[in-house]
Amino acid sequence: MEIKSGCQVGTGAGPANIWELMMMLAYEGWYLQIGLVVLLSSFILFYKRRKKV
């Protein structure tokens, strides 16, 4: 595994855990915020639909 300018190259490249993945997505743009809103709204809709039945 080589290290070039702070980035890992090789099989160990990429996030080591979920938190690092979330931080990478947050730095990439609004993907994390949009994903959280979609996830939260889907849980709310699922709960309301299940409550009706």
Protein backbone atom coordinates (compact mmCIF):
# COMPACT_ATOMS: atom_id res chain seq x y z
CA MET A 1 0.00 0.00 0.00
CA GLU A 2 1.41 3.36 -1.05
CA ILE A 3 0.55 6.74 0.37
CA LYS A 4 0.54 9.60 -2.13
CA SER A 5 -0.39 13.09 -0.96
CA GLY A 6 -2.44 11.79 1.98
CA CYS A 7 -4.53 9.32 -0.03
CA GLN A 8 -4.21 5.57 0.18
CA VAL A 9 -3.81 3.65 -3.04
CA GLY A 10 -4.40 -0.09 -3.19
CA THR A 11 -6.64 -2.63 -1.51
CA GLY A 12 -6.91 -0.59 1.71
CA ALA A 13 -8.25 2.51 -0.04
CA GLY A 14 -11.62 3.83 1.03
CA PRO A 15 -13.43 4.39 4.30
CA ALA A 16 -12.59 2.11 7.21
CA ASN A 17 -16.03 2.38 8.84
CA ILE A 18 -19.52 3.81 8.43
CA TRP A 19 -18.63 7.13 10.07
CA GLU A 20 -15.78 7.76 7.60
CA LEU A 21 -18.12 6.88 4.72
CA MET A 22 -20.70 9.39 5.98
CA MET A 23 -18.05 12.08 6.33
CA MET A 24 -16.79 11.40 2.80
CA LEU A 25 -20.31 11.74 1.43
CA ALA A 26 -20.89 14.92 3.42
CA TYR A 27 -17.77 16.49 1.94
CA GLU A 28 -18.81 15.39 -1.56
CA GLY A 29 -21.98 17.49 -1.44
CA TRP A 30 -25.54 17.36 -0.17
CA TYR A 31 -25.81 13.58 -0.59
CA LEU A 32 -25.76 12.85 3.14
CA GLN A 33 -28.42 15.41 3.99
CA ILE A 34 -30.68 14.31 1.12
CA GLY A 35 -30.23 10.67 2.10
CA LEU A 36 -31.14 11.35 5.72
CA VAL A 37 -34.26 13.29 4.71
CA VAL A 38 -35.38 10.50 2.37
CA LEU A 39 -34.71 7.86 5.01
CA LEU A 40 -36.55 9.77 7.73
CA SER A 41 -39.54 10.54 5.51
CA SER A 42 -39.80 6.92 4.40
CA PHE A 43 -39.85 5.77 8.05
CA ILE A 44 -42.57 8.31 8.86
CA LEU A 45 -44.68 7.28 5.86
CA PHE A 46 -44.23 3.59 6.68
CA TYR A 47 -45.29 4.20 10.29
CA LYS A 48 -48.39 6.17 9.26
CA ARG A 49 -49.38 3.55 6.72
CA ARG A 50 -48.91 0.73 9.21
CA LYS A 51 -50.91 2.61 11.86
CA LYS A 52 -53.91 2.89 9.50
CA VAL A 53 -54.14 -0.87 8.98
